Amino acid sequence: MSAATFDAPRRVLPKWATSFGPQIVAGLIVGVILGLVARSMPDAADGNENWLVGTVTTIGSSYVSLLTVAVIPLIFTAVVSSIANLRNVANAARLAVQTLLWFAITAFIAVLVGITIGLITQPGTNTTVDATNATEPGSSGSWWAFLTGLVPQNFLGLGAQTTVSGDNASSLTATTSLSFNVLQLLVVAIAIGIAALKVGQKAEPFLNFNASLLAIVQKVLWWIIRLAPIGTAALIAKAVATYGWDAIGQLGVFTVAVYLGLAVIFLVVYPTLIRVHGLSVKRFYSGVWPATQLGFVSRSSIGTLPLTERVTERNLGVPREYASFAVPLGATTKMDGCAAVYPAIAAIFVAEFYGVHLSLTDYLLIIVVSVIGSAATAGTTGATVMLTLTLSTLGLPLAGVGLLLAVEPIVDMGRTAVNVTGQALVPTIVAKREKILDESLYNAPRRGDPFADESLEPAPTPAPAPAPAPA
């Protein structure tokens, strides 16, 4: 007679403790609370950084740095692997053309929205900002930036900048920071990938090693992404505690105008494009949401790029060999928030502030700059760079940039969220139009997780065997 056995009851954790989506929401709530607590501290009222602000700033910036570190190995290995896999894709050139075309189409719509909102709200007239705040920007956009940005300065497009600080010779300290140019990194990776295909059989070990390295990088990236709730809490806490919320009083109409334009793009234009292509709006936003919210709190398209690429593949069903090319390209040239809505409204603000009348030709120039200007400044694209390019093209004073710096962090959060969403939207639309979108993955249930179930991903098509060498 065997003794009866009983399974000990297992404690089941609540859903919020195990699901990614609720954890992100919890992170946002905790971040707001921490930010309000930090602002209420006595030293915060004097404009000093208290220990809580310093803590969340360090945690938030460290998390963005972790994501940024993953950008170089991810782009390089993914693009090389993508080119190797494109041997199985007959319409690779058409995909590239369609991607650039839809970048331009969505930018065109976005700048029209920006101009319309700017004309309706008249932000430069409805402001009390002091003219003494006008200052020349430290850098400005250039139409030659695209050509110079294409030429790699070194193997990985790395750059270094040294900053010297201190009051006298004995207290001087030098800090060197590294940066990288995504556009140059793309050029290097594409060149190596094509060269590997041309070499043929001898390059197969390299391509196999690259594929293995890509798998390792993606696993490490997954570990970093799982820390997103902590990073989100720290980043939003810093935003609430330190960003210039008080300055909204002087630039309230401008700030509202920018967010109104971004809302039209995010809630009207993008859903319309999704619906026109026969896709579910709800499934798109539930799939892209992890990248959108991280873009909002981090204010960095490049820092969010690994997550944007991941959700484009895993949630939206865009083939990896296409997404690994389109998403990094979009991170440098596809910015509906920074390069279309914002420059249009800001240019109208500066013109109204200085009493300059904009003609129909000027508005056409704003459209031209927004549609192709982000490509012209690729590799250095940012809201300030795009705004200076727009102002210089229109002949408006560049000192007007300084008028808007007080609310720059606030509007940048919304701009980046829209940028990131658009960078996932265009590859999804193009994949759908070219009939390569995995709609079963697109429509897969999320269940609060950041990505669809890995088991739903189709097995990759094996690469064709190389032709035997002639005798």
Protein backbone atom coordinates (compact mmCIF):
# COMPACT_ATOMS: atom_id res chain seq x y z
CA MET A 1 0.00 0.00 0.00
CA SER A 2 1.56 3.21 -1.09
CA ALA A 3 1.30 6.31 0.98
CA ALA A 4 -0.80 9.09 -0.46
CA THR A 5 1.17 12.06 -1.63
CA PHE A 6 -0.02 15.60 -1.67
CA ASP A 7 1.44 18.49 -3.63
CA ALA A 8 2.28 21.39 -1.42
CA PRO A 9 0.36 24.48 -2.49
CA ARG A 10 2.51 26.81 -4.53
CA ARG A 11 2.32 30.54 -3.96
CA VAL A 12 1.30 32.28 -7.13
CA LEU A 13 2.66 35.78 -7.57
CA PRO A 14 0.19 38.48 -8.60
CA LYS A 15 0.07 39.31 -12.30
CA TRP A 16 1.70 42.72 -11.85
CA ALA A 17 4.76 41.06 -10.37
CA THR A 18 5.41 38.84 -13.37
CA SER A 19 3.96 40.63 -16.42
CA PHE A 20 6.02 43.24 -18.23
CA GLY A 21 3.17 45.61 -19.09
CA PRO A 22 1.87 46.09 -15.54
CA GLN A 23 5.46 46.42 -14.33
CA ILE A 24 6.01 49.31 -16.73
CA VAL A 25 2.83 51.02 -15.53
CA ALA A 26 3.94 50.48 -11.92
CA GLY A 27 7.31 51.98 -12.83
CA LEU A 28 5.63 55.08 -14.26
CA ILE A 29 3.53 55.53 -11.12
CA VAL A 30 6.48 55.01 -8.78
CA GLY A 31 8.55 57.43 -10.89
CA VAL A 32 5.94 60.19 -10.63
CA ILE A 33 5.71 59.70 -6.86
CA LEU A 34 9.51 59.78 -6.46
CA GLY A 35 9.72 62.89 -8.65
CA LEU A 36 7.12 64.73 -6.60
CA VAL A 37 8.88 63.73 -3.37
CA ALA A 38 12.20 64.98 -4.76
CA ARG A 39 10.66 68.32 -5.78
CA SER A 40 9.21 68.78 -2.30
CA MET A 41 12.57 68.46 -0.57
CA PRO A 42 13.91 71.74 0.86
CA ASP A 43 17.10 71.91 -1.19
CA ALA A 44 15.11 71.34 -4.41
CA ALA A 45 13.41 74.68 -3.88
CA ASP A 46 16.83 76.38 -4.06
CA GLY A 47 17.60 74.78 -7.41
CA ASN A 48 20.08 72.31 -5.95
CA GLU A 49 20.24 68.61 -6.76
CA ASN A 50 19.29 66.60 -3.69
CA TRP A 51 20.28 63.02 -3.02
CA LEU A 52 17.06 61.59 -4.45
CA VAL A 53 17.37 63.50 -7.71
CA GLY A 54 20.99 62.42 -7.95
CA THR A 55 20.02 58.79 -7.37
CA VAL A 56 17.27 58.61 -9.99
CA THR A 57 19.41 60.56 -12.46
CA THR A 58 22.24 58.06 -12.07
CA ILE A 59 19.95 55.03 -12.36
CA GLY A 60 18.08 56.45 -15.38
CA SER A 61 21.18 57.50 -17.28
CA SER A 62 22.85 54.16 -16.50
CA TYR A 63 19.89 52.29 -17.98
CA VAL A 64 19.94 54.36 -21.17
CA SER A 65 23.72 53.75 -21.33
CA LEU A 66 23.14 49.99 -21.10
CA LEU A 67 20.76 50.15 -24.06
CA THR A 68 23.13 52.39 -26.00
CA VAL A 69 26.01 49.95 -25.45
CA ALA A 70 23.92 47.29 -27.18
CA VAL A 71 23.37 49.47 -30.26
CA ILE A 72 26.78 48.95 -31.92
CA PRO A 73 26.97 45.13 -31.71
CA LEU A 74 23.25 44.81 -32.46
CA ILE A 75 23.30 46.96 -35.60
CA PHE A 76 26.52 45.47 -36.93
CA THR A 77 25.60 41.82 -36.43
CA ALA A 78 21.94 42.30 -37.41
CA VAL A 79 22.70 44.17 -40.64
CA VAL A 80 25.40 41.70 -41.72
CA SER A 81 23.04 38.81 -40.95
CA SER A 82 20.24 40.67 -42.74
CA ILE A 83 22.27 41.01 -45.92
CA ALA A 84 23.19 37.33 -45.77
CA ASN A 85 19.50 36.43 -45.41
CA LEU A 86 18.50 38.76 -48.23
CA ARG A 87 19.82 36.11 -50.59
CA ASN A 88 16.37 34.61 -50.09
CA VAL A 89 14.51 37.88 -50.70
CA ALA A 90 13.95 38.78 -54.34
CA ASN A 91 12.68 42.32 -53.75
CA ALA A 92 15.41 43.71 -51.44
CA ALA A 93 15.97 46.85 -53.56
CA ARG A 94 12.24 47.47 -53.74
CA LEU A 95 11.99 47.21 -49.95
CA ALA A 96 14.66 49.90 -49.53
CA VAL A 97 12.92 52.24 -51.99
CA GLN A 98 9.53 51.67 -50.39
CA THR A 99 11.00 52.37 -46.95
CA LEU A 100 12.46 55.72 -48.01
CA LEU A 101 9.24 56.60 -49.84
CA TRP A 102 7.10 56.01 -46.75
CA PHE A 103 9.57 57.91 -44.60
CA ALA A 104 8.94 60.88 -46.93
CA ILE A 105 5.15 60.38 -47.06
CA THR A 106 4.70 60.31 -43.30
CA ALA A 107 7.09 63.26 -42.85
CA PHE A 108 5.07 65.23 -45.41
CA ILE A 109 1.83 64.56 -43.51
CA ALA A 110 3.49 65.41 -40.19
CA VAL A 111 4.84 68.77 -41.34
CA LEU A 112 1.44 69.72 -42.78
CA VAL A 113 -0.07 68.98 -39.36
CA GLY A 114 2.65 71.06 -37.68
CA ILE A 115 2.11 74.06 -39.97
CA THR A 116 -1.66 73.89 -39.49
CA ILE A 117 -1.40 73.73 -35.70
CA GLY A 118 1.14 76.58 -35.72
CA LEU A 119 -1.08 78.85 -37.81
CA ILE A 120 -4.10 78.15 -35.61
CA THR A 121 -2.40 78.61 -32.21
CA GLN A 122 0.05 81.42 -33.18
CA PRO A 123 2.56 80.44 -30.47
CA GLY A 124 4.95 83.33 -31.13
CA THR A 125 2.24 85.91 -30.54
CA ASN A 126 0.79 84.23 -27.46
CA THR A 127 3.95 84.19 -25.36
CA THR A 128 5.56 86.21 -22.59
CA VAL A 129 9.08 84.84 -23.02
CA ASP A 130 11.83 87.42 -22.54
CA ALA A 131 13.79 88.40 -25.67
CA THR A 132 17.00 88.30 -23.64
CA ASN A 133 16.70 84.51 -23.65
CA ALA A 134 17.55 84.47 -27.35
CA THR A 135 20.95 82.81 -27.80
CA GLU A 136 22.82 81.30 -30.71
CA PRO A 137 22.82 77.47 -30.69
CA GLY A 138 26.06 75.60 -30.17
CA SER A 139 25.57 73.61 -33.39
CA SER A 140 23.47 74.00 -36.48
CA GLY A 141 22.21 71.84 -39.33
CA SER A 142 23.87 71.66 -42.72
CA TRP A 143 22.73 70.38 -46.10
CA TRP A 144 26.17 68.80 -46.53
CA ALA A 145 25.84 66.76 -43.34
CA PHE A 146 24.33 63.78 -45.17
CA LEU A 147 27.28 63.40 -47.55
CA THR A 148 29.88 63.90 -44.84
CA GLY A 149 27.94 61.66 -42.47
CA LEU A 150 28.05 58.78 -44.97
CA VAL A 151 31.86 58.60 -44.87
CA PRO A 152 32.97 56.48 -41.87
CA GLN A 153 35.62 58.12 -39.74
CA ASN A 154 36.69 54.72 -38.40
CA PHE A 155 35.54 51.10 -38.38
CA LEU A 156 32.55 51.59 -36.08
CA GLY A 157 31.85 55.28 -36.70
CA LEU A 158 33.12 56.16 -33.23
CA GLY A 159 33.90 59.70 -32.13
CA ALA A 160 35.45 61.18 -29.00
CA GLN A 161 34.95 64.53 -27.31
CA THR A 162 37.03 65.88 -24.42
CA THR A 163 35.57 68.45 -22.04
CA VAL A 164 37.87 70.43 -19.73
CA SER A 165 36.42 71.89 -16.54
CA GLY A 166 37.88 73.76 -13.58
CA ASP A 167 38.66 77.28 -12.40
CA ASN A 168 42.45 77.22 -12.54
CA ALA A 169 45.33 75.16 -13.84
CA SER A 170 45.65 73.14 -10.64
CA SER A 171 41.98 72.11 -10.59
CA LEU A 172 41.43 71.41 -14.28
CA THR A 173 39.89 68.05 -15.07
CA ALA A 174 39.40 66.50 -18.49
CA THR A 175 36.54 64.17 -19.30
CA THR A 176 36.47 62.21 -22.55
CA SER A 177 33.21 60.79 -23.83
CA LEU A 178 32.69 58.44 -26.76
CA SER A 179 29.85 58.65 -29.26
CA PHE A 180 28.98 56.86 -32.46
CA ASN A 181 27.31 57.69 -35.74
CA VAL A 182 24.57 55.18 -36.56
CA LEU A 183 24.58 56.14 -40.23
CA GLN A 184 28.31 55.44 -40.56
CA LEU A 185 27.87 52.17 -38.67
CA LEU A 186 25.16 51.15 -41.15
CA VAL A 187 27.46 51.94 -44.07
CA VAL A 188 30.28 49.82 -42.59
CA ALA A 189 27.96 46.89 -41.80
CA ILE A 190 26.33 46.97 -45.24
CA ALA A 191 29.74 47.05 -46.96
CA ILE A 192 31.03 44.08 -44.93
CA GLY A 193 27.82 42.12 -45.49
CA ILE A 194 27.94 42.61 -49.26
CA ALA A 195 31.64 41.79 -49.33
CA ALA A 196 30.97 38.55 -47.42
CA LEU A 197 28.41 37.53 -50.04
CA LYS A 198 30.83 38.32 -52.84
CA VAL A 199 33.59 36.25 -51.23
CA GLY A 200 31.28 33.23 -51.18
CA GLN A 201 32.26 29.92 -49.57
CA LYS A 202 35.28 31.34 -47.71
CA ALA A 203 33.02 33.81 -45.87
CA GLU A 204 30.58 31.17 -44.58
CA PRO A 205 32.48 30.70 -41.25
CA PHE A 206 32.33 34.46 -40.70
CA LEU A 207 28.59 34.59 -41.45
CA ASN A 208 27.96 31.64 -39.11
CA PHE A 209 29.99 33.33 -36.36
CA ASN A 210 28.10 36.60 -36.93
CA ALA A 211 24.76 34.77 -36.64
CA SER A 212 25.86 33.20 -33.35
CA LEU A 213 27.09 36.56 -32.06
CA LEU A 214 23.75 38.14 -32.99
CA ALA A 215 21.90 35.51 -30.95
CA ILE A 216 24.15 36.23 -27.94
CA VAL A 217 23.68 40.01 -28.30
CA GLN A 218 19.91 39.59 -28.43
CA LYS A 219 19.94 37.46 -25.29
CA VAL A 220 21.95 40.10 -23.40
CA LEU A 221 19.60 42.74 -24.79
CA TRP A 222 16.64 40.82 -23.39
CA TRP A 223 18.22 40.94 -19.94
CA ILE A 224 18.62 44.72 -20.28
CA ILE A 225 15.03 45.13 -21.46
CA ARG A 226 13.76 43.28 -18.40
CA LEU A 227 15.22 46.14 -16.33
CA ALA A 228 12.97 48.62 -18.15
CA PRO A 229 10.50 49.08 -15.24
CA ILE A 230 13.37 50.24 -13.02
CA GLY A 231 14.80 52.46 -15.73
CA THR A 232 11.35 53.88 -16.46
CA ALA A 233 10.74 54.75 -12.81
CA ALA A 234 14.09 56.52 -12.54
CA LEU A 235 13.75 58.43 -15.82
CA ILE A 236 10.23 59.69 -15.16
CA ALA A 237 11.21 60.63 -11.59
CA LYS A 238 14.04 62.75 -12.97
CA ALA A 239 11.67 64.35 -15.47
CA VAL A 240 9.15 65.32 -12.79
CA ALA A 241 11.86 66.54 -10.40
CA THR A 242 14.20 68.48 -12.67
CA TYR A 243 12.63 69.51 -15.98
CA GLY A 244 11.55 73.09 -16.43
CA TRP A 245 7.85 72.72 -15.74
CA ASP A 246 7.64 76.27 -14.42
CA ALA A 247 8.73 77.62 -17.81
CA ILE A 248 5.51 76.37 -19.38
CA GLY A 249 3.87 79.53 -18.08
CA GLN A 250 5.80 81.66 -20.60
CA LEU A 251 5.72 79.10 -23.41
CA GLY A 252 2.42 77.45 -22.60
CA VAL A 253 0.80 77.96 -26.00
CA PHE A 254 3.92 76.72 -27.78
CA THR A 255 4.14 73.61 -25.59
CA VAL A 256 0.45 72.83 -26.03
CA ALA A 257 0.75 73.40 -29.80
CA VAL A 258 3.63 70.92 -30.10
CA TYR A 259 1.83 68.26 -28.06
CA LEU A 260 -1.38 68.86 -29.99
CA GLY A 261 0.49 68.27 -33.26
CA LEU A 262 2.14 65.14 -31.85
CA ALA A 263 -1.24 63.87 -30.63
CA VAL A 264 -2.75 64.29 -34.10
CA ILE A 265 0.09 62.24 -35.60
CA PHE A 266 -0.01 59.59 -32.88
CA LEU A 267 -3.79 59.27 -32.51
CA VAL A 268 -5.11 60.15 -35.97
CA VAL A 269 -2.51 59.87 -38.75
CA TYR A 270 -0.79 56.66 -37.66
CA PRO A 271 -4.05 54.80 -36.86
CA THR A 272 -5.47 55.89 -40.22
CA LEU A 273 -2.45 54.52 -42.09
CA ILE A 274 -2.64 51.28 -40.11
CA ARG A 275 -6.35 50.86 -40.80
CA VAL A 276 -5.98 51.71 -44.50
CA HIS A 277 -3.54 48.81 -44.80
CA GLY A 278 -6.00 46.40 -43.24
CA LEU A 279 -4.23 46.00 -39.89
CA SER A 280 -5.53 46.24 -36.35
CA VAL A 281 -4.79 49.58 -34.68
CA LYS A 282 -5.08 48.02 -31.24
CA ARG A 283 -2.59 45.26 -32.06
CA PHE A 284 -0.10 47.78 -33.44
CA TYR A 285 -0.11 50.00 -30.38
CA SER A 286 -0.06 47.10 -27.94
CA GLY A 287 2.93 45.75 -29.83
CA VAL A 288 4.90 48.99 -30.14
CA TRP A 289 4.04 50.32 -26.68
CA PRO A 290 7.20 49.09 -24.85
CA ALA A 291 9.38 51.12 -27.25
CA THR A 292 7.03 54.13 -27.27
CA GLN A 293 6.98 54.51 -23.51
CA LEU A 294 10.76 54.04 -23.22
CA GLY A 295 11.28 56.67 -25.90
CA PHE A 296 9.05 59.04 -23.93
CA VAL A 297 10.96 58.74 -20.66
CA SER A 298 14.47 58.35 -22.11
CA ARG A 299 14.22 61.08 -24.79
CA SER A 300 16.60 59.05 -26.97
CA SER A 301 15.71 57.35 -30.25
CA ILE A 302 19.17 55.80 -30.40
CA GLY A 303 18.98 54.53 -26.82
CA THR A 304 15.56 53.05 -27.56
CA LEU A 305 16.67 51.57 -30.91
CA PRO A 306 17.41 48.04 -29.62
CA LEU A 307 13.93 47.82 -28.12
CA THR A 308 12.30 49.40 -31.18
CA GLU A 309 13.90 46.83 -33.44
CA ARG A 310 12.94 44.02 -31.10
CA VAL A 311 9.24 44.93 -30.92
CA THR A 312 9.14 45.50 -34.70
CA GLU A 313 10.30 41.93 -35.22
CA ARG A 314 8.72 40.09 -32.30
CA ASN A 315 5.41 41.94 -31.93
CA LEU A 316 4.64 43.44 -35.32
CA GLY A 317 5.79 40.49 -37.44
CA VAL A 318 8.29 42.34 -39.65
CA PRO A 319 10.94 39.90 -40.97
CA ARG A 320 14.24 40.26 -39.16
CA GLU A 321 16.27 40.59 -42.36
CA TYR A 322 14.23 43.68 -43.25
CA ALA A 323 13.67 45.17 -39.77
CA SER A 324 17.39 45.12 -38.96
CA PHE A 325 17.94 47.48 -41.90
CA ALA A 326 14.82 49.66 -41.75
CA VAL A 327 14.65 50.41 -38.02
CA PRO A 328 18.27 51.64 -37.59
CA LEU A 329 17.87 53.71 -40.76
CA GLY A 330 14.68 55.16 -39.31
CA ALA A 331 16.45 56.01 -36.05
CA THR A 332 18.59 58.50 -37.99
CA THR A 333 16.26 59.71 -40.73
CA LYS A 334 12.67 59.01 -39.61
CA MET A 335 11.65 61.59 -37.00
CA ASP A 336 8.13 62.92 -37.42
CA GLY A 337 8.31 64.59 -34.02
CA CYS A 338 11.77 66.18 -34.10
CA ALA A 339 12.10 66.74 -37.84
CA ALA A 340 8.56 67.64 -38.95
CA VAL A 341 6.01 68.74 -36.32
CA TYR A 342 8.45 70.54 -34.02
CA PRO A 343 10.49 72.52 -36.60
CA ALA A 344 7.30 73.67 -38.34
CA ILE A 345 5.69 75.01 -35.16
CA ALA A 346 9.00 76.38 -33.84
CA ALA A 347 9.74 78.20 -37.11
CA ILE A 348 6.31 79.85 -36.99
CA PHE A 349 6.98 80.78 -33.35
CA VAL A 350 10.34 82.42 -34.17
CA ALA A 351 8.90 84.27 -37.17
CA GLU A 352 5.98 85.64 -35.14
CA PHE A 353 8.24 86.56 -32.21
CA TYR A 354 10.53 88.64 -34.44
CA GLY A 355 7.68 90.02 -36.51
CA VAL A 356 8.74 88.30 -39.75
CA HIS A 357 5.98 87.54 -42.25
CA LEU A 358 6.16 84.07 -43.77
CA SER A 359 5.05 83.79 -47.38
CA LEU A 360 3.66 80.77 -49.19
CA THR A 361 7.18 80.09 -50.47
CA ASP A 362 8.46 80.00 -46.89
CA TYR A 363 5.88 77.40 -45.91
CA LEU A 364 6.84 75.32 -48.94
CA LEU A 365 10.46 75.54 -47.80
CA ILE A 366 9.45 74.30 -44.34
CA ILE A 367 7.83 71.29 -46.02
CA VAL A 368 10.91 70.61 -48.15
CA VAL A 369 13.26 70.86 -45.19
CA SER A 370 11.09 68.55 -43.07
CA VAL A 371 10.72 65.91 -45.78
CA ILE A 372 14.36 65.69 -46.84
CA GLY A 373 16.15 67.63 -44.12
CA SER A 374 16.20 64.75 -41.65
CA ALA A 375 18.11 62.74 -44.25
CA ALA A 376 20.41 65.70 -44.85
CA THR A 377 21.27 65.82 -41.16
CA ALA A 378 21.30 62.03 -40.67
CA GLY A 379 23.82 60.95 -38.07
CA THR A 380 23.49 64.28 -36.25
CA THR A 381 19.71 64.59 -36.40
CA GLY A 382 18.12 66.21 -33.40
CA ALA A 383 15.42 68.78 -32.82
CA THR A 384 17.89 71.64 -32.43
CA VAL A 385 19.85 70.65 -35.53
CA MET A 386 16.67 70.35 -37.58
CA LEU A 387 15.34 73.66 -36.24
CA THR A 388 18.55 75.52 -37.11
CA LEU A 389 18.46 74.01 -40.60
CA THR A 390 14.87 75.20 -41.00
CA LEU A 391 15.56 78.69 -39.62
CA SER A 392 18.68 79.18 -41.75
CA THR A 393 16.82 78.04 -44.88
CA LEU A 394 14.07 80.60 -44.16
CA GLY A 395 16.53 83.33 -43.21
CA LEU A 396 15.19 83.59 -39.64
CA PRO A 397 17.52 84.47 -36.73
CA LEU A 398 19.14 81.39 -35.21
CA ALA A 399 19.12 83.14 -31.84
CA GLY A 400 15.43 82.25 -31.71
CA VAL A 401 16.45 78.71 -30.76
CA GLY A 402 17.40 79.97 -27.31
CA LEU A 403 13.86 81.18 -26.69
CA LEU A 404 12.58 77.60 -26.64
CA LEU A 405 15.28 75.90 -24.57
CA ALA A 406 13.36 76.31 -21.31
CA VAL A 407 10.73 73.74 -22.34
CA GLU A 408 13.05 71.61 -24.50
CA PRO A 409 13.10 68.59 -22.14
CA ILE A 410 9.32 68.65 -21.80
CA VAL A 411 8.48 68.71 -25.50
CA ASP A 412 11.35 66.32 -26.28
CA MET A 413 9.62 63.55 -24.37
CA GLY A 414 6.59 63.63 -26.67
CA ARG A 415 8.69 64.14 -29.80
CA THR A 416 10.81 61.06 -29.11
CA ALA A 417 7.78 58.89 -28.37
CA VAL A 418 6.29 59.80 -31.76
CA ASN A 419 9.67 59.31 -33.48
CA VAL A 420 10.06 55.80 -32.09
CA THR A 421 6.48 54.84 -32.97
CA GLY A 422 6.98 56.02 -36.55
CA GLN A 423 10.23 54.09 -36.83
CA ALA A 424 8.26 50.90 -36.16
CA LEU A 425 5.24 51.95 -38.22
CA VAL A 426 6.93 52.37 -41.60
CA PRO A 427 8.60 48.90 -41.69
CA THR A 428 5.24 47.41 -40.68
CA ILE A 429 3.40 49.19 -43.50
CA VAL A 430 6.04 48.32 -46.09
CA ALA A 431 6.14 44.67 -44.97
CA LYS A 432 2.36 44.51 -45.27
CA ARG A 433 2.38 46.09 -48.74
CA GLU A 434 5.10 43.70 -49.91
CA LYS A 435 3.24 40.70 -48.44
CA ILE A 436 6.07 39.68 -46.13
CA LEU A 437 4.42 40.65 -42.83
CA ASP A 438 3.79 37.75 -40.46
CA GLU A 439 0.22 38.67 -39.52
CA SER A 440 -0.15 35.70 -37.15
CA LEU A 441 2.67 37.23 -35.10
CA TYR A 442 1.21 40.72 -35.52
CA ASN A 443 -2.14 39.55 -34.13
CA ALA A 444 -0.70 37.25 -31.46
CA PRO A 445 -1.93 37.86 -27.89
CA ARG A 446 0.52 39.80 -25.71
CA ARG A 447 -0.81 38.75 -22.28
CA GLY A 448 1.04 41.65 -20.67
CA ASP A 449 4.39 40.49 -21.99
CA PRO A 450 6.75 42.77 -23.94
CA PHE A 451 6.88 40.35 -26.87
CA ALA A 452 4.75 37.64 -28.38
CA ASP A 453 5.46 34.04 -27.49
CA GLU A 454 8.78 32.96 -29.00
CA SER A 455 7.19 29.70 -30.13
CA LEU A 456 5.04 31.67 -32.57
CA GLU A 457 8.05 32.85 -34.52
CA PRO A 458 8.48 30.90 -37.75
CA ALA A 459 11.71 29.04 -38.24
CA PRO A 460 14.17 30.96 -40.41
CA THR A 461 14.48 29.82 -43.98
CA PRO A 462 17.85 28.11 -44.44
CA ALA A 463 20.30 29.91 -46.66
CA PRO A 464 20.86 28.32 -50.04
CA ALA A 465 23.91 26.18 -50.31
CA PRO A 466 26.78 27.87 -52.15
CA ALA A 467 27.37 26.70 -55.69
CA PRO A 468 30.33 24.33 -56.08
CA ALA A 469 33.48 25.87 -57.41
CA PRO A 470 34.19 25.11 -61.06
CA ALA A 471 36.64 22.31 -61.68
